[in-house]
């Protein structure tokens, strides 16, 4: 049986997950999302699921891919993440931006005790945010709207799957096509909207940069010998040390009003 990719199905402790993101923070990139963060934020205001006078809790803010686009459009933005290093990166960006309405909140969402103190709650690529427990926690945190942003197809992860297979671990990202969130919302009588947004990602990337990134990511799993595997996989499509990337990536946007 094919297993789900790490953080989606692998049995890792909360502390191991935090250690992963702290280790990976310096190499994290939103490149695979292209212009989708801007388009998603714009869409949420077009539909009025977000409004300028809202206070917003962002779950899994990371280094601020969505935070810095949300902040100038809402009253207060609280950015929650379990990784101190991710929040440190966000803090530097906040300082450079000059925004004064962003709060950083070091907390593991899975252990957070919700209070109905926010107008909206948005989970941006937060692992596990589609679970029943997380959905209920979101509704207990937000008065007016709940939003989940997740991958539907990210071809930047194709390499990860190939590396895991070379390491003897048969992982996949098939859970991204799951209808679990929609099913829970339907079963519990929520009216919701779901949209799939796509973007074309093209880039010429030095093979050495890819190796550095993958070594950092897999180190958190205790896998330290991935350099030769990456070379084995990518060298056939490498020219003059450069890998050409050209794919259509897709993200899933789900939003609804919580039960009163």
C-alpha atoms as a PDB file:
ATOM      1  CA  UNK A   1       0.000   0.000   0.000  1.00  0.00           C
ATOM      2  CA  UNK A   2       1.305   3.448  -0.908  1.00  0.00           C
ATOM      3  CA  UNK A   3       1.732   5.651   2.151  1.00  0.00           C
ATOM      4  CA  UNK A   4       0.944   9.328   2.379  1.00  0.00           C
ATOM      5  CA  UNK A   5       3.775  11.819   2.251  1.00  0.00           C
ATOM      6  CA  UNK A   6       5.435  12.894   5.513  1.00  0.00           C
ATOM      7  CA  UNK A   7       3.390  15.361   7.602  1.00  0.00           C
ATOM      8  CA  UNK A   8       0.246  14.067   5.919  1.00  0.00           C
ATOM      9  CA  UNK A   9       0.335  10.459   6.979  1.00  0.00           C
ATOM     10  CA  UNK A  10       3.716   9.600   8.457  1.00  0.00           C
ATOM     11  CA  UNK A  11       3.804   8.995  12.200  1.00  0.00           C
ATOM     12  CA  UNK A  12       5.952  11.865  13.455  1.00  0.00           C
ATOM     13  CA  UNK A  13       5.766  13.407  16.899  1.00  0.00           C
ATOM     14  CA  UNK A  14       4.820  17.095  17.296  1.00  0.00           C
ATOM     15  CA  UNK A  15       8.372  17.832  18.421  1.00  0.00           C
ATOM     16  CA  UNK A  16       9.838  16.153  15.333  1.00  0.00           C
ATOM     17  CA  UNK A  17       7.579  18.241  13.116  1.00  0.00           C
ATOM     18  CA  UNK A  18       8.673  21.437  14.871  1.00  0.00           C
ATOM     19  CA  UNK A  19      12.309  20.411  14.485  1.00  0.00           C
ATOM     20  CA  UNK A  20      11.720  19.802  10.784  1.00  0.00           C
ATOM     21  CA  UNK A  21      10.342  23.290  10.171  1.00  0.00           C
ATOM     22  CA  UNK A  22      13.054  24.925  12.274  1.00  0.00           C
ATOM     23  CA  UNK A  23      15.655  23.043  10.237  1.00  0.00           C
ATOM     24  CA  UNK A  24      13.975  23.836   6.919  1.00  0.00           C
ATOM     25  CA  UNK A  25      13.056  27.476   7.647  1.00  0.00           C
ATOM     26  CA  UNK A  26      16.145  28.947   6.020  1.00  0.00           C
ATOM     27  CA  UNK A  27      15.515  27.048   2.774  1.00  0.00           C
ATOM     28  CA  UNK A  28      11.740  27.452   2.628  1.00  0.00           C
ATOM     29  CA  UNK A  29      10.510  28.987  -0.603  1.00  0.00           C
ATOM     30  CA  UNK A  30       7.082  29.987  -1.876  1.00  0.00           C
ATOM     31  CA  UNK A  31       8.297  29.804  -5.468  1.00  0.00           C
ATOM     32  CA  UNK A  32       6.073  26.821  -6.321  1.00  0.00           C
ATOM     33  CA  UNK A  33       3.000  28.923  -5.486  1.00  0.00           C
ATOM     34  CA  UNK A  34       3.789  31.525  -8.130  1.00  0.00           C
ATOM     35  CA  UNK A  35       1.227  34.330  -8.147  1.00  0.00           C
ATOM     36  CA  UNK A  36      -1.415  32.235  -6.355  1.00  0.00           C
ATOM     37  CA  UNK A  37      -1.043  33.849  -2.893  1.00  0.00           C
ATOM     38  CA  UNK A  38      -1.887  37.274  -4.330  1.00  0.00           C
ATOM     39  CA  UNK A  39      -4.775  35.876  -6.369  1.00  0.00           C
ATOM     40  CA  UNK A  40      -6.165  33.912  -3.424  1.00  0.00           C
ATOM     41  CA  UNK A  41      -6.105  36.948  -1.134  1.00  0.00           C
ATOM     42  CA  UNK A  42      -7.782  39.027  -3.828  1.00  0.00           C
ATOM     43  CA  UNK A  43     -10.443  36.363  -4.295  1.00  0.00           C
ATOM     44  CA  UNK A  44     -11.244  36.263  -0.583  1.00  0.00           C
ATOM     45  CA  UNK A  45     -11.947  39.990  -0.573  1.00  0.00           C
ATOM     46  CA  UNK A  46     -13.921  39.812  -3.821  1.00  0.00           C
ATOM     47  CA  UNK A  47     -16.246  37.261  -2.232  1.00  0.00           C
ATOM     48  CA  UNK A  48     -16.288  39.278   1.043  1.00  0.00           C
ATOM     49  CA  UNK A  49     -15.322  36.209   3.030  1.00  0.00           C
ATOM     50  CA  UNK A  50     -12.662  38.622   4.306  1.00  0.00           C
ATOM     51  CA  UNK A  51     -13.311  42.309   4.992  1.00  0.00           C
ATOM     52  CA  UNK A  52     -11.056  45.253   5.893  1.00  0.00           C
ATOM     53  CA  UNK A  53     -12.349  45.569   9.458  1.00  0.00           C
ATOM     54  CA  UNK A  54     -11.678  41.899  10.309  1.00  0.00           C
ATOM     55  CA  UNK A  55      -9.274  40.519  12.863  1.00  0.00           C
ATOM     56  CA  UNK A  56      -7.717  37.396  11.333  1.00  0.00           C
ATOM     57  CA  UNK A  57      -5.933  34.363  12.784  1.00  0.00           C
ATOM     58  CA  UNK A  58      -3.537  32.803  10.286  1.00  0.00           C
ATOM     59  CA  UNK A  59      -2.627  29.203  11.099  1.00  0.00           C
ATOM     60  CA  UNK A  60       0.783  28.020   9.928  1.00  0.00           C
ATOM     61  CA  UNK A  61       1.945  31.415   8.734  1.00  0.00           C
ATOM     62  CA  UNK A  62       5.501  30.241   8.127  1.00  0.00           C
ATOM     63  CA  UNK A  63       7.766  33.087   6.958  1.00  0.00           C
ATOM     64  CA  UNK A  64       4.785  35.199   5.867  1.00  0.00           C
ATOM     65  CA  UNK A  65       3.936  34.217   2.293  1.00  0.00           C
ATOM     66  CA  UNK A  66       0.307  35.182   2.896  1.00  0.00           C
ATOM     67  CA  UNK A  67       0.789  37.313   6.014  1.00  0.00           C
ATOM     68  CA  UNK A  68       2.452  40.246   4.298  1.00  0.00           C
ATOM     69  CA  UNK A  69      -0.269  40.311   1.661  1.00  0.00           C
ATOM     70  CA  UNK A  70      -3.078  40.051   4.213  1.00  0.00           C
ATOM     71  CA  UNK A  71      -1.810  42.597   6.733  1.00  0.00           C
ATOM     72  CA  UNK A  72      -2.433  45.807   4.761  1.00  0.00           C
ATOM     73  CA  UNK A  73      -5.986  44.684   3.991  1.00  0.00           C
ATOM     74  CA  UNK A  74      -7.279  43.742   7.470  1.00  0.00           C
ATOM     75  CA  UNK A  75      -7.499  45.407  10.875  1.00  0.00           C
ATOM     76  CA  UNK A  76      -5.394  42.922  12.861  1.00  0.00           C
ATOM     77  CA  UNK A  77      -3.511  39.825  11.724  1.00  0.00           C
ATOM     78  CA  UNK A  78      -2.301  37.224  14.234  1.00  0.00           C
ATOM     79  CA  UNK A  79       0.254  34.830  12.715  1.00  0.00           C
ATOM     80  CA  UNK A  80       0.489  31.461  14.462  1.00  0.00           C
ATOM     81  CA  UNK A  81       3.261  28.962  13.838  1.00  0.00           C
ATOM     82  CA  UNK A  82       4.959  26.252  15.877  1.00  0.00           C
ATOM     83  CA  UNK A  83       8.379  27.045  14.381  1.00  0.00           C
ATOM     84  CA  UNK A  84      10.297  29.771  16.184  1.00  0.00           C
ATOM     85  CA  UNK A  85      12.687  30.135  13.255  1.00  0.00           C
ATOM     86  CA  UNK A  86       9.843  30.631  10.791  1.00  0.00           C
ATOM     87  CA  UNK A  87       8.433  33.365  13.012  1.00  0.00           C
ATOM     88  CA  UNK A  88      11.880  34.945  13.302  1.00  0.00           C
ATOM     89  CA  UNK A  89      12.027  35.227   9.510  1.00  0.00           C
ATOM     90  CA  UNK A  90       8.521  36.686   9.514  1.00  0.00           C
ATOM     91  CA  UNK A  91       9.555  39.154  12.222  1.00  0.00           C
ATOM     92  CA  UNK A  92      12.367  40.516  10.055  1.00  0.00           C
ATOM     93  CA  UNK A  93       9.984  40.898   7.131  1.00  0.00           C
ATOM     94  CA  UNK A  94       7.451  42.702   9.319  1.00  0.00           C
ATOM     95  CA  UNK A  95      10.146  45.114  10.459  1.00  0.00           C
ATOM     96  CA  UNK A  96      11.121  45.840   6.871  1.00  0.00           C
ATOM     97  CA  UNK A  97       7.491  46.242   5.780  1.00  0.00           C
ATOM     98  CA  UNK A  98       6.585  48.760   8.443  1.00  0.00           C
ATOM     99  CA  UNK A  99       3.244  47.067   9.169  1.00  0.00           C
ATOM    100  CA  UNK A 100       2.145  47.597  12.763  1.00  0.00           C
ATOM    101  CA  UNK A 101      -0.968  45.408  12.800  1.00  0.00           C
ATOM    102  CA  UNK A 102       0.750  41.986  12.712  1.00  0.00           C
ATOM    103  CA  UNK A 103       1.146  39.874  15.831  1.00  0.00           C
ATOM    104  CA  UNK A 104       3.310  36.744  15.976  1.00  0.00           C
ATOM    105  CA  UNK A 105       2.107  33.819  18.043  1.00  0.00           C
ATOM    106  CA  UNK A 106       4.385  30.828  18.774  1.00  0.00           C
ATOM    107  CA  UNK A 107       1.945  27.957  19.258  1.00  0.00           C
ATOM    108  CA  UNK A 108       1.260  24.457  17.950  1.00  0.00           C
ATOM    109  CA  UNK A 109      -2.171  24.625  16.320  1.00  0.00           C
ATOM    110  CA  UNK A 110      -2.865  21.020  17.308  1.00  0.00           C
ATOM    111  CA  UNK A 111      -2.647  21.968  20.979  1.00  0.00           C
ATOM    112  CA  UNK A 112      -4.267  25.389  20.723  1.00  0.00           C
ATOM    113  CA  UNK A 113      -7.299  26.017  22.931  1.00  0.00           C
ATOM    114  CA  UNK A 114      -9.551  28.145  20.734  1.00  0.00           C
ATOM    115  CA  UNK A 115     -11.399  31.264  21.733  1.00  0.00           C
ATOM    116  CA  UNK A 116     -14.033  32.897  19.537  1.00  0.00           C
ATOM    117  CA  UNK A 117     -11.944  36.050  19.424  1.00  0.00           C
ATOM    118  CA  UNK A 118     -11.303  36.402  15.685  1.00  0.00           C
ATOM    119  CA  UNK A 119     -13.516  37.385  12.785  1.00  0.00           C
ATOM    120  CA  UNK A 120     -11.804  34.947  10.446  1.00  0.00           C
ATOM    121  CA  UNK A 121      -9.469  31.987  10.657  1.00  0.00           C
ATOM    122  CA  UNK A 122      -7.293  30.999   7.684  1.00  0.00           C
ATOM    123  CA  UNK A 123      -5.033  27.949   7.392  1.00  0.00           C
ATOM    124  CA  UNK A 124      -2.376  28.441   4.726  1.00  0.00           C
ATOM    125  CA  UNK A 125      -0.674  25.160   3.765  1.00  0.00           C
ATOM    126  CA  UNK A 126      -0.846  24.004   7.364  1.00  0.00           C
ATOM    127  CA  UNK A 127      -0.334  20.200   7.603  1.00  0.00           C
ATOM    128  CA  UNK A 128      -3.323  18.519   9.206  1.00  0.00           C
ATOM    129  CA  UNK A 129      -5.593  21.548   8.903  1.00  0.00           C
ATOM    130  CA  UNK A 130      -8.161  19.445   7.049  1.00  0.00           C
ATOM    131  CA  UNK A 131      -8.744  17.021   9.916  1.00  0.00           C
ATOM    132  CA  UNK A 132     -12.066  16.976  11.744  1.00  0.00           C
ATOM    133  CA  UNK A 133     -10.389  18.219  14.927  1.00  0.00           C
ATOM    134  CA  UNK A 134      -8.774  21.112  13.094  1.00  0.00           C
ATOM    135  CA  UNK A 135     -11.984  22.110  11.321  1.00  0.00           C
ATOM    136  CA  UNK A 136     -13.841  22.179  14.628  1.00  0.00           C
ATOM    137  CA  UNK A 137     -11.025  24.189  16.198  1.00  0.00           C
ATOM    138  CA  UNK A 138     -11.186  26.694  13.344  1.00  0.00           C
ATOM    139  CA  UNK A 139     -14.908  27.164  13.847  1.00  0.00           C
ATOM    140  CA  UNK A 140     -14.389  27.730  17.563  1.00  0.00           C
ATOM    141  CA  UNK A 141     -11.788  30.387  16.750  1.00  0.00           C
ATOM    142  CA  UNK A 142     -13.705  32.405  14.139  1.00  0.00           C
ATOM    143  CA  UNK A 143     -16.962  34.314  14.315  1.00  0.00           C
ATOM    144  CA  UNK A 144     -17.536  35.003  10.629  1.00  0.00           C
ATOM    145  CA  UNK A 145     -15.442  32.913   8.250  1.00  0.00           C
ATOM    146  CA  UNK A 146     -13.072  29.963   7.919  1.00  0.00           C
ATOM    147  CA  UNK A 147     -10.642  29.441   5.069  1.00  0.00           C
ATOM    148  CA  UNK A 148      -8.318  26.604   4.058  1.00  0.00           C
ATOM    149  CA  UNK A 149      -5.612  26.971   1.416  1.00  0.00           C
ATOM    150  CA  UNK A 150      -3.936  23.717   0.398  1.00  0.00           C
ATOM    151  CA  UNK A 151      -2.078  22.142  -2.480  1.00  0.00           C
ATOM    152  CA  UNK A 152      -4.053  20.303  -5.134  1.00  0.00           C
ATOM    153  CA  UNK A 153      -1.052  19.576  -7.371  1.00  0.00           C
ATOM    154  CA  UNK A 154       2.519  20.706  -6.728  1.00  0.00           C
ATOM    155  CA  UNK A 155       4.995  19.296  -9.215  1.00  0.00           C
ATOM    156  CA  UNK A 156       7.805  20.695  -7.113  1.00  0.00           C
ATOM    157  CA  UNK A 157       7.178  17.689  -4.871  1.00  0.00           C
ATOM    158  CA  UNK A 158       7.675  15.166  -7.669  1.00  0.00           C
ATOM    159  CA  UNK A 159      11.358  15.024  -6.812  1.00  0.00           C
ATOM    160  CA  UNK A 160      10.573  14.331  -3.150  1.00  0.00           C
ATOM    161  CA  UNK A 161       8.501  11.281  -4.092  1.00  0.00           C
ATOM    162  CA  UNK A 162      11.305   9.955  -6.282  1.00  0.00           C
ATOM    163  CA  UNK A 163      13.863  10.455  -3.507  1.00  0.00           C
ATOM    164  CA  UNK A 164      11.669   8.598  -1.001  1.00  0.00           C
ATOM    165  CA  UNK A 165      11.293   5.704  -3.430  1.00  0.00           C
ATOM    166  CA  UNK A 166      15.085   5.508  -3.843  1.00  0.00           C
ATOM    167  CA  UNK A 167      15.259   5.382  -0.026  1.00  0.00           C
ATOM    168  CA  UNK A 168      12.807   2.483  -0.019  1.00  0.00           C
ATOM    169  CA  UNK A 169       9.797   4.466   1.234  1.00  0.00           C
ATOM    170  CA  UNK A 170       6.724   4.402  -0.998  1.00  0.00           C
ATOM    171  CA  UNK A 171       5.156   7.789  -0.250  1.00  0.00           C
ATOM    172  CA  UNK A 172       2.701   9.828  -2.292  1.00  0.00           C
ATOM    173  CA  UNK A 173       0.822  13.137  -2.092  1.00  0.00           C
ATOM    174  CA  UNK A 174      -2.496  11.644  -3.211  1.00  0.00           C
ATOM    175  CA  UNK A 175      -4.242  13.015  -0.124  1.00  0.00           C
ATOM    176  CA  UNK A 176      -4.250  16.411  -1.821  1.00  0.00           C
ATOM    177  CA  UNK A 177      -7.118  15.206  -4.030  1.00  0.00           C
ATOM    178  CA  UNK A 178      -9.078  14.080  -0.968  1.00  0.00           C
ATOM    179  CA  UNK A 179     -12.618  15.390  -0.487  1.00  0.00           C
ATOM    180  CA  UNK A 180     -12.426  14.974   3.287  1.00  0.00           C
ATOM    181  CA  UNK A 181     -12.920  18.666   4.099  1.00  0.00           C
ATOM    182  CA  UNK A 182     -15.832  19.029   1.704  1.00  0.00           C
ATOM    183  CA  UNK A 183     -17.425  15.834   3.031  1.00  0.00           C
ATOM    184  CA  UNK A 184     -17.211  17.040   6.634  1.00  0.00           C
ATOM    185  CA  UNK A 185     -18.685  20.415   5.735  1.00  0.00           C
ATOM    186  CA  UNK A 186     -21.565  18.765   3.852  1.00  0.00           C
ATOM    187  CA  UNK A 187     -22.249  16.266   6.619  1.00  0.00           C
ATOM    188  CA  UNK A 188     -22.412  19.087   9.158  1.00  0.00           C
ATOM    189  CA  UNK A 189     -24.708  21.293   7.122  1.00  0.00           C
ATOM    190  CA  UNK A 190     -22.214  24.004   6.181  1.00  0.00           C
ATOM    191  CA  UNK A 191     -22.545  25.988   2.992  1.00  0.00           C
ATOM    192  CA  UNK A 192     -19.115  26.350   1.431  1.00  0.00           C
ATOM    193  CA  UNK A 193     -17.293  27.246  -1.754  1.00  0.00           C
ATOM    194  CA  UNK A 194     -14.347  25.403  -3.256  1.00  0.00           C
ATOM    195  CA  UNK A 195     -12.144  26.724  -6.041  1.00  0.00           C
ATOM    196  CA  UNK A 196      -9.083  25.298  -7.796  1.00  0.00           C
ATOM    197  CA  UNK A 197      -6.610  27.932  -8.950  1.00  0.00           C
ATOM    198  CA  UNK A 198      -3.681  27.173 -11.224  1.00  0.00           C
ATOM    199  CA  UNK A 199      -0.435  28.855 -12.212  1.00  0.00           C
ATOM    200  CA  UNK A 200       2.417  28.012 -14.530  1.00  0.00           C
ATOM    201  CA  UNK A 201       5.815  27.757 -12.861  1.00  0.00           C
ATOM    202  CA  UNK A 202       8.960  28.048 -14.962  1.00  0.00           C
ATOM    203  CA  UNK A 203      12.510  28.419 -13.724  1.00  0.00           C
ATOM    204  CA  UNK A 204      16.055  27.415 -14.542  1.00  0.00           C
ATOM    205  CA  UNK A 205      17.545  26.143 -11.270  1.00  0.00           C
ATOM    206  CA  UNK A 206      21.191  25.211 -10.638  1.00  0.00           C
ATOM    207  CA  UNK A 207      21.426  21.539  -9.716  1.00  0.00           C
ATOM    208  CA  UNK A 208      23.629  22.509  -6.759  1.00  0.00           C
ATOM    209  CA  UNK A 209      20.806  24.664  -5.326  1.00  0.00           C
ATOM    210  CA  UNK A 210      18.341  21.777  -5.561  1.00  0.00           C
ATOM    211  CA  UNK A 211      20.813  19.461  -3.826  1.00  0.00           C
ATOM    212  CA  UNK A 212      21.303  21.960  -0.983  1.00  0.00           C
ATOM    213  CA  UNK A 213      17.544  22.305  -0.500  1.00  0.00           C
ATOM    214  CA  UNK A 214      16.828  18.584  -0.536  1.00  0.00           C
ATOM    215  CA  UNK A 215      19.701  17.804   1.833  1.00  0.00           C
ATOM    216  CA  UNK A 216      18.249  20.304   4.299  1.00  0.00           C
ATOM    217  CA  UNK A 217      14.729  18.873   4.009  1.00  0.00           C
ATOM    218  CA  UNK A 218      15.699  15.213   4.353  1.00  0.00           C
ATOM    219  CA  UNK A 219      18.148  15.857   7.169  1.00  0.00           C
ATOM    220  CA  UNK A 220      15.167  16.409   9.469  1.00  0.00           C
ATOM    221  CA  UNK A 221      14.093  12.812   8.774  1.00  0.00           C
ATOM    222  CA  UNK A 222      17.524  11.486   9.627  1.00  0.00           C
ATOM    223  CA  UNK A 223      18.254  10.928   5.933  1.00  0.00           C
ATOM    224  CA  UNK A 224      21.653  12.440   5.195  1.00  0.00           C
ATOM    225  CA  UNK A 225      22.787  10.705   2.003  1.00  0.00           C
ATOM    226  CA  UNK A 226      20.465  12.230  -0.570  1.00  0.00           C
ATOM    227  CA  UNK A 227      22.994  14.109  -2.711  1.00  0.00           C
ATOM    228  CA  UNK A 228      23.837  11.115  -4.911  1.00  0.00           C
ATOM    229  CA  UNK A 229      20.148  10.233  -5.219  1.00  0.00           C
ATOM    230  CA  UNK A 230      19.262  13.757  -6.400  1.00  0.00           C
ATOM    231  CA  UNK A 231      22.086  13.619  -8.942  1.00  0.00           C
ATOM    232  CA  UNK A 232      20.929  10.212 -10.169  1.00  0.00           C
ATOM    233  CA  UNK A 233      17.374  11.474 -10.673  1.00  0.00           C
ATOM    234  CA  UNK A 234      18.093  14.908 -12.147  1.00  0.00           C
ATOM    235  CA  UNK A 235      21.352  14.630 -14.057  1.00  0.00           C
ATOM    236  CA  UNK A 236      19.631  13.087 -17.144  1.00  0.00           C
ATOM    237  CA  UNK A 237      17.578  16.296 -17.480  1.00  0.00           C
ATOM    238  CA  UNK A 238      20.376  18.696 -16.472  1.00  0.00           C
ATOM    239  CA  UNK A 239      22.191  20.834 -19.034  1.00  0.00           C
ATOM    240  CA  UNK A 240      25.329  22.729 -18.071  1.00  0.00           C
ATOM    241  CA  UNK A 241      24.458  22.287 -14.402  1.00  0.00           C
ATOM    242  CA  UNK A 242      20.949  23.756 -14.835  1.00  0.00           C
ATOM    243  CA  UNK A 243      17.589  22.013 -14.363  1.00  0.00           C
ATOM    244  CA  UNK A 244      14.673  23.514 -16.309  1.00  0.00           C
ATOM    245  CA  UNK A 245      11.357  23.458 -14.448  1.00  0.00           C
ATOM    246  CA  UNK A 246       8.087  24.026 -16.349  1.00  0.00           C
ATOM    247  CA  UNK A 247       4.829  22.795 -14.809  1.00  0.00           C
ATOM    248  CA  UNK A 248       1.265  23.790 -13.942  1.00  0.00           C
ATOM    249  CA  UNK A 249       0.713  23.841 -10.178  1.00  0.00           C
ATOM    250  CA  UNK A 250      -2.725  24.012  -8.570  1.00  0.00           C
ATOM    251  CA  UNK A 251      -4.027  25.101  -5.178  1.00  0.00           C
ATOM    252  CA  UNK A 252      -7.361  24.408  -3.506  1.00  0.00           C
ATOM    253  CA  UNK A 253      -9.268  27.193  -1.779  1.00  0.00           C
ATOM    254  CA  UNK A 254     -12.186  26.299   0.508  1.00  0.00           C
ATOM    255  CA  UNK A 255     -14.130  28.869   2.505  1.00  0.00           C
ATOM    256  CA  UNK A 256     -17.293  28.854   4.615  1.00  0.00           C
ATOM    257  CA  UNK A 257     -19.124  30.502   7.479  1.00  0.00           C
ATOM    258  CA  UNK A 258     -18.862  28.620  10.793  1.00  0.00           C
ATOM    259  CA  UNK A 259     -21.873  27.463  12.735  1.00  0.00           C
ATOM    260  CA  UNK A 260     -23.109  30.040  15.216  1.00  0.00           C
END
